[in-house]
Amino acid sequence: MEKKTLGKRINITRKDHGITAEQLAERCSINATYLRQIEGGSKIPSLPLFIQLCNTLEASPDYLLQDEVDTKQSRKIRELELLWEKATPSTQQLVIAMLEAALQNIED
C-alpha cells in the first residue's frame, strides 16, 4: 500500500466529508491553490493552519500525522490495533475487562 502523507490524508478526509478544495480553503481562510499544494505534498501547513484543518475536517492530529511520525509509541499502538482486529467480540470484551481490572489494581 502506498504511504499516505499528511497532504494525502487531508485530501482523503476532505473528500470523505464531501467538500471541495475551494470550500475547505474558504473555511480555513486560505487560498485554494495553497490547499492543493498542501494536499499535493509540496507545502506543509503552519501549526495554526494544521489545527484549523483538523477542526474543520473533524479529524484528529494523530490520524493526519500517523504516517509522518514514527515513534515506538505509535508502533506499539499499531501492534495493538492489529491484535484487536483479529480478536472476536467476546475476546475484545474480555480484554477490556482485564485492562480495567489491571488499571484499577495499579491505581489502588
C-alpha atoms as a PDB file:
ATOM      1  CA  MET A   1       0.000   0.000   0.000  1.00  0.00           C
ATOM      2  CA  GLU A   2       1.248   3.433  -0.888  1.00  0.00           C
ATOM      3  CA  LYS A   3       2.366   5.514   2.067  1.00  0.00           C
ATOM      4  CA  LYS A   4      -0.112   8.281   2.744  1.00  0.00           C
ATOM      5  CA  THR A   5       1.470  11.584   3.607  1.00  0.00           C
ATOM      6  CA  LEU A   6      -0.116  14.387   5.581  1.00  0.00           C
ATOM      7  CA  GLY A   7      -1.360  16.043   2.399  1.00  0.00           C
ATOM      8  CA  LYS A   8      -2.871  12.840   1.068  1.00  0.00           C
ATOM      9  CA  ARG A   9      -4.664  12.217   4.366  1.00  0.00           C
ATOM     10  CA  ILE A  10      -6.048  15.767   4.307  1.00  0.00           C
ATOM     11  CA  ASN A  11      -7.229  15.198   0.737  1.00  0.00           C
ATOM     12  CA  ILE A  12      -8.863  11.866   1.559  1.00  0.00           C
ATOM     13  CA  THR A  13     -10.566  13.287   4.657  1.00  0.00           C
ATOM     14  CA  ARG A  14     -11.818  16.336   2.734  1.00  0.00           C
ATOM     15  CA  LYS A  15     -13.301  14.149   0.018  1.00  0.00           C
ATOM     16  CA  ASP A  16     -14.796  11.836   2.632  1.00  0.00           C
ATOM     17  CA  HIS A  17     -16.635  14.867   4.033  1.00  0.00           C
ATOM     18  CA  GLY A  18     -17.891  15.682   0.525  1.00  0.00           C
ATOM     19  CA  ILE A  19     -16.356  19.137   0.331  1.00  0.00           C
ATOM     20  CA  THR A  20     -14.293  20.665  -2.435  1.00  0.00           C
ATOM     21  CA  ALA A  21     -10.817  22.092  -2.057  1.00  0.00           C
ATOM     22  CA  GLU A  22     -12.312  25.536  -2.601  1.00  0.00           C
ATOM     23  CA  GLN A  23     -14.834  25.029   0.211  1.00  0.00           C
ATOM     24  CA  LEU A  24     -12.188  23.784   2.650  1.00  0.00           C
ATOM     25  CA  ALA A  25      -9.837  26.615   1.711  1.00  0.00           C
ATOM     26  CA  GLU A  26     -12.597  29.150   2.284  1.00  0.00           C
ATOM     27  CA  ARG A  27     -13.471  27.641   5.676  1.00  0.00           C
ATOM     28  CA  CYS A  28      -9.808  27.835   6.667  1.00  0.00           C
ATOM     29  CA  SER A  29      -9.306  31.334   5.195  1.00  0.00           C
ATOM     30  CA  ILE A  30      -6.581  30.260   2.801  1.00  0.00           C
ATOM     31  CA  ASN A  31      -6.138  30.237  -0.951  1.00  0.00           C
ATOM     32  CA  ALA A  32      -7.379  27.086  -2.725  1.00  0.00           C
ATOM     33  CA  THR A  33      -4.086  26.880  -4.612  1.00  0.00           C
ATOM     34  CA  TYR A  34      -2.218  26.758  -1.305  1.00  0.00           C
ATOM     35  CA  LEU A  35      -4.518  23.984  -0.058  1.00  0.00           C
ATOM     36  CA  ARG A  36      -3.888  21.982  -3.220  1.00  0.00           C
ATOM     37  CA  GLN A  37      -0.131  22.415  -2.637  1.00  0.00           C
ATOM     38  CA  ILE A  38      -0.575  21.078   0.906  1.00  0.00           C
ATOM     39  CA  GLU A  39      -2.631  18.140  -0.348  1.00  0.00           C
ATOM     40  CA  GLY A  40      -0.046  17.502  -3.060  1.00  0.00           C
ATOM     41  CA  GLY A  41       2.751  17.399  -0.508  1.00  0.00           C
ATOM     42  CA  SER A  42       4.745  20.359  -1.817  1.00  0.00           C
ATOM     43  CA  LYS A  43       3.769  22.616   1.126  1.00  0.00           C
ATOM     44  CA  ILE A  44       3.387  21.962   4.849  1.00  0.00           C
ATOM     45  CA  PRO A  45       0.746  23.886   6.800  1.00  0.00           C
ATOM     46  CA  SER A  46       1.707  26.055   9.758  1.00  0.00           C
ATOM     47  CA  LEU A  47       0.671  24.781  13.169  1.00  0.00           C
ATOM     48  CA  PRO A  48      -2.305  27.184  13.450  1.00  0.00           C
ATOM     49  CA  LEU A  49      -3.499  26.151   9.969  1.00  0.00           C
ATOM     50  CA  PHE A  50      -2.977  22.474  10.778  1.00  0.00           C
ATOM     51  CA  ILE A  51      -5.146  22.870  13.885  1.00  0.00           C
ATOM     52  CA  GLN A  52      -7.795  24.645  11.839  1.00  0.00           C
ATOM     53  CA  LEU A  53      -7.731  21.862   9.236  1.00  0.00           C
ATOM     54  CA  CYS A  54      -8.149  19.259  11.995  1.00  0.00           C
ATOM     55  CA  ASN A  55     -11.094  21.137  13.469  1.00  0.00           C
ATOM     56  CA  THR A  56     -12.748  21.842  10.126  1.00  0.00           C
ATOM     57  CA  LEU A  57     -12.331  18.255   8.920  1.00  0.00           C
ATOM     58  CA  GLU A  58     -13.179  16.835  12.357  1.00  0.00           C
ATOM     59  CA  ALA A  59     -10.001  14.757  12.097  1.00  0.00           C
ATOM     60  CA  SER A  60      -7.578  14.018  14.889  1.00  0.00           C
ATOM     61  CA  PRO A  61      -3.981  15.191  14.529  1.00  0.00           C
ATOM     62  CA  ASP A  62      -2.945  11.589  15.212  1.00  0.00           C
ATOM     63  CA  TYR A  63      -4.869  10.375  12.175  1.00  0.00           C
ATOM     64  CA  LEU A  64      -3.483  13.037   9.848  1.00  0.00           C
ATOM     65  CA  LEU A  65       0.107  12.631  11.087  1.00  0.00           C
ATOM     66  CA  GLN A  66       0.259   8.884  11.629  1.00  0.00           C
ATOM     67  CA  ASP A  67       2.445   8.241   8.595  1.00  0.00           C
ATOM     68  CA  GLU A  68       4.686  11.227   9.267  1.00  0.00           C
ATOM     69  CA  VAL A  69       5.645  10.393  12.852  1.00  0.00           C
ATOM     70  CA  ASP A  70       7.200   7.030  13.575  1.00  0.00           C
ATOM     71  CA  THR A  71       7.759   6.542  17.255  1.00  0.00           C
ATOM     72  CA  LYS A  72       7.944   3.457  19.420  1.00  0.00           C
ATOM     73  CA  GLN A  73       4.611   4.533  20.894  1.00  0.00           C
ATOM     74  CA  SER A  74       2.871   4.616  17.507  1.00  0.00           C
ATOM     75  CA  ARG A  75       4.361   1.244  16.554  1.00  0.00           C
ATOM     76  CA  LYS A  76       3.028  -0.259  19.789  1.00  0.00           C
ATOM     77  CA  ILE A  77      -0.399   1.206  19.118  1.00  0.00           C
ATOM     78  CA  ARG A  78      -0.397  -0.254  15.608  1.00  0.00           C
ATOM     79  CA  GLU A  79       0.554  -3.664  17.027  1.00  0.00           C
ATOM     80  CA  LEU A  80      -2.342  -3.442  19.479  1.00  0.00           C
ATOM     81  CA  GLU A  81      -4.715  -2.419  16.676  1.00  0.00           C
ATOM     82  CA  LEU A  82      -3.719  -5.467  14.632  1.00  0.00           C
ATOM     83  CA  LEU A  83      -4.263  -7.766  17.611  1.00  0.00           C
ATOM     84  CA  TRP A  84      -7.593  -6.064  18.371  1.00  0.00           C
ATOM     85  CA  GLU A  85      -8.813  -6.536  14.792  1.00  0.00           C
ATOM     86  CA  LYS A  86      -8.047 -10.269  14.969  1.00  0.00           C
ATOM     87  CA  ALA A  87      -9.938 -10.731  18.248  1.00  0.00           C
ATOM     88  CA  THR A  88     -13.565 -11.817  18.341  1.00  0.00           C
ATOM     89  CA  PRO A  89     -16.106  -9.508  20.017  1.00  0.00           C
ATOM     90  CA  SER A  90     -16.206 -11.710  23.111  1.00  0.00           C
ATOM     91  CA  THR A  91     -12.409 -11.717  23.331  1.00  0.00           C
ATOM     92  CA  GLN A  92     -12.410  -7.929  22.967  1.00  0.00           C
ATOM     93  CA  GLN A  93     -14.816  -7.667  25.909  1.00  0.00           C
ATOM     94  CA  LEU A  94     -12.566  -9.935  27.965  1.00  0.00           C
ATOM     95  CA  VAL A  95      -9.510  -7.817  27.130  1.00  0.00           C
ATOM     96  CA  ILE A  96     -11.359  -4.638  28.134  1.00  0.00           C
ATOM     97  CA  ALA A  97     -12.357  -6.207  31.458  1.00  0.00           C
ATOM     98  CA  MET A  98      -8.786  -7.348  32.072  1.00  0.00           C
ATOM     99  CA  LEU A  99      -7.365  -3.900  31.308  1.00  0.00           C
ATOM    100  CA  GLU A 100      -9.914  -2.204  33.549  1.00  0.00           C
ATOM    101  CA  ALA A 101      -9.074  -4.616  36.387  1.00  0.00           C
ATOM    102  CA  ALA A 102      -5.334  -4.148  35.906  1.00  0.00           C
ATOM    103  CA  LEU A 103      -5.613  -0.360  35.852  1.00  0.00           C
ATOM    104  CA  GLN A 104      -7.833  -0.388  38.926  1.00  0.00           C
ATOM    105  CA  ASN A 105      -5.301  -2.593  40.730  1.00  0.00           C
ATOM    106  CA  ILE A 106      -2.442  -0.261  39.799  1.00  0.00           C
ATOM    107  CA  GLU A 107      -4.357   2.810  40.996  1.00  0.00           C
ATOM    108  CA  ASP A 108      -5.123   1.213  44.391  1.00  0.00           C
END
